[in-house]
Amino acid sequence: MHTMPDYGKKMTRNQVLVIDDDIELCGLLTDYLSREGFILTSVHDGERGRDEALAVNYDLIVLDVMLPGIDGFEVLRKIRKE
């Protein structure tokens, strides 16, 4: 007997980290995605983004590549290393 997966129970937390120095864009993403049930956290530089990504188990990370401090590629390398 084949049963269909229950996708409604799969995404219970919906926590998203946005690492981007464009504060207006972060605000827009927060406005739109919070209406859909996502919980957004935004940080605006590479070091804080790396620290936040390693401190919390986010479901999704949106990462800009051009950041002040360390760039997005270096942030990603450090996150993957951990």
C-alpha atoms as a PDB file:
ATOM      1  CA  MET A   1       0.000   0.000   0.000  1.00  0.00           C
ATOM      2  CA  HIS A   2       1.429   3.368  -1.032  1.00  0.00           C
ATOM      3  CA  THR A   3       0.569   6.445   1.012  1.00  0.00           C
ATOM      4  CA  MET A   4       1.181  10.065   0.077  1.00  0.00           C
ATOM      5  CA  PRO A   5       3.663  11.988   2.230  1.00  0.00           C
ATOM      6  CA  ASP A   6       2.233  14.610   4.565  1.00  0.00           C
ATOM      7  CA  TYR A   7       3.996  17.757   3.361  1.00  0.00           C
ATOM      8  CA  GLY A   8       1.981  19.935   5.748  1.00  0.00           C
ATOM      9  CA  LYS A   9       3.869  18.580   8.749  1.00  0.00           C
ATOM     10  CA  LYS A  10       7.282  18.710   7.136  1.00  0.00           C
ATOM     11  CA  MET A  11       7.874  22.460   7.438  1.00  0.00           C
ATOM     12  CA  THR A  12       7.046  23.305  11.003  1.00  0.00           C
ATOM     13  CA  ARG A  13       9.734  25.877  11.834  1.00  0.00           C
ATOM     14  CA  ASN A  14      10.247  27.838   8.612  1.00  0.00           C
ATOM     15  CA  GLN A  15      13.206  29.792  10.014  1.00  0.00           C
ATOM     16  CA  VAL A  16      15.114  31.780   7.402  1.00  0.00           C
ATOM     17  CA  LEU A  17      18.361  33.687   7.817  1.00  0.00           C
ATOM     18  CA  VAL A  18      19.013  36.523   5.360  1.00  0.00           C
ATOM     19  CA  ILE A  19      22.629  37.689   5.198  1.00  0.00           C
ATOM     20  CA  ASP A  20      22.585  40.845   3.085  1.00  0.00           C
ATOM     21  CA  ASP A  21      23.824  44.396   3.550  1.00  0.00           C
ATOM     22  CA  ASP A  22      20.795  45.818   1.694  1.00  0.00           C
ATOM     23  CA  ILE A  23      18.600  46.719   4.654  1.00  0.00           C
ATOM     24  CA  GLU A  24      15.636  47.691   2.447  1.00  0.00           C
ATOM     25  CA  LEU A  25      15.709  44.313   0.682  1.00  0.00           C
ATOM     26  CA  CYS A  26      15.834  42.518   4.038  1.00  0.00           C
ATOM     27  CA  GLY A  27      12.771  44.496   5.148  1.00  0.00           C
ATOM     28  CA  LEU A  28      10.861  43.590   1.991  1.00  0.00           C
ATOM     29  CA  LEU A  29      11.706  39.902   2.357  1.00  0.00           C
ATOM     30  CA  THR A  30      10.603  40.007   5.980  1.00  0.00           C
ATOM     31  CA  ASP A  31       7.311  41.697   5.076  1.00  0.00           C
ATOM     32  CA  TYR A  32       6.449  39.257   2.289  1.00  0.00           C
ATOM     33  CA  LEU A  33       7.683  35.996   3.769  1.00  0.00           C
ATOM     34  CA  SER A  34       6.387  36.553   7.296  1.00  0.00           C
ATOM     35  CA  ARG A  35       2.876  36.712   5.800  1.00  0.00           C
ATOM     36  CA  GLU A  36       3.493  33.186   4.514  1.00  0.00           C
ATOM     37  CA  GLY A  37       4.493  31.872   7.932  1.00  0.00           C
ATOM     38  CA  PHE A  38       8.276  32.230   7.690  1.00  0.00           C
ATOM     39  CA  ILE A  39      10.304  33.584  10.594  1.00  0.00           C
ATOM     40  CA  LEU A  40      13.106  35.789   9.261  1.00  0.00           C
ATOM     41  CA  THR A  41      16.289  36.945  10.893  1.00  0.00           C
ATOM     42  CA  SER A  42      18.452  39.450   9.007  1.00  0.00           C
ATOM     43  CA  VAL A  43      22.089  40.352   9.526  1.00  0.00           C
ATOM     44  CA  HIS A  44      24.024  42.823   7.434  1.00  0.00           C
ATOM     45  CA  ASP A  45      27.682  41.766   7.383  1.00  0.00           C
ATOM     46  CA  GLY A  46      29.635  38.595   6.792  1.00  0.00           C
ATOM     47  CA  GLU A  47      31.031  38.006  10.275  1.00  0.00           C
ATOM     48  CA  ARG A  48      27.670  38.365  12.018  1.00  0.00           C
ATOM     49  CA  GLY A  49      26.055  36.238   9.305  1.00  0.00           C
ATOM     50  CA  ARG A  50      28.564  33.445   9.837  1.00  0.00           C
ATOM     51  CA  ASP A  51      28.115  33.600  13.611  1.00  0.00           C
ATOM     52  CA  GLU A  52      24.307  33.603  13.374  1.00  0.00           C
ATOM     53  CA  ALA A  53      24.265  30.737  10.855  1.00  0.00           C
ATOM     54  CA  LEU A  54      26.406  28.619  13.157  1.00  0.00           C
ATOM     55  CA  ALA A  55      24.442  29.504  16.302  1.00  0.00           C
ATOM     56  CA  VAL A  56      20.950  28.554  15.062  1.00  0.00           C
ATOM     57  CA  ASN A  57      19.756  25.642  12.927  1.00  0.00           C
ATOM     58  CA  TYR A  58      18.036  27.603  10.123  1.00  0.00           C
ATOM     59  CA  ASP A  59      15.900  25.880   7.501  1.00  0.00           C
ATOM     60  CA  LEU A  60      17.144  28.225   4.766  1.00  0.00           C
ATOM     61  CA  ILE A  61      19.907  30.808   4.424  1.00  0.00           C
ATOM     62  CA  VAL A  62      19.730  33.540   1.781  1.00  0.00           C
ATOM     63  CA  LEU A  63      23.294  34.764   1.326  1.00  0.00           C
ATOM     64  CA  ASP A  64      24.526  37.780  -0.642  1.00  0.00           C
ATOM     65  CA  VAL A  65      28.020  37.375  -2.105  1.00  0.00           C
ATOM     66  CA  MET A  66      29.061  41.039  -1.830  1.00  0.00           C
ATOM     67  CA  LEU A  67      29.115  41.793   1.906  1.00  0.00           C
ATOM     68  CA  PRO A  68      31.135  44.123   4.107  1.00  0.00           C
ATOM     69  CA  GLY A  69      33.824  42.316   6.067  1.00  0.00           C
ATOM     70  CA  ILE A  70      34.124  38.799   4.730  1.00  0.00           C
ATOM     71  CA  ASP A  71      32.289  38.148   1.451  1.00  0.00           C
ATOM     72  CA  GLY A  72      29.480  35.654   0.975  1.00  0.00           C
ATOM     73  CA  PHE A  73      31.729  33.003  -0.550  1.00  0.00           C
ATOM     74  CA  GLU A  74      33.952  33.033   2.539  1.00  0.00           C
ATOM     75  CA  VAL A  75      30.871  32.945   4.804  1.00  0.00           C
ATOM     76  CA  LEU A  76      29.638  29.872   2.932  1.00  0.00           C
ATOM     77  CA  ARG A  77      33.043  28.156   3.199  1.00  0.00           C
ATOM     78  CA  LYS A  78      33.111  28.747   6.960  1.00  0.00           C
ATOM     79  CA  ILE A  79      29.515  27.518   7.412  1.00  0.00           C
ATOM     80  CA  ARG A  80      30.211  24.368   5.400  1.00  0.00           C
ATOM     81  CA  LYS A  81      33.410  23.730   7.362  1.00  0.00           C
ATOM     82  CA  GLU A  82      31.482  23.696  10.633  1.00  0.00           C
END
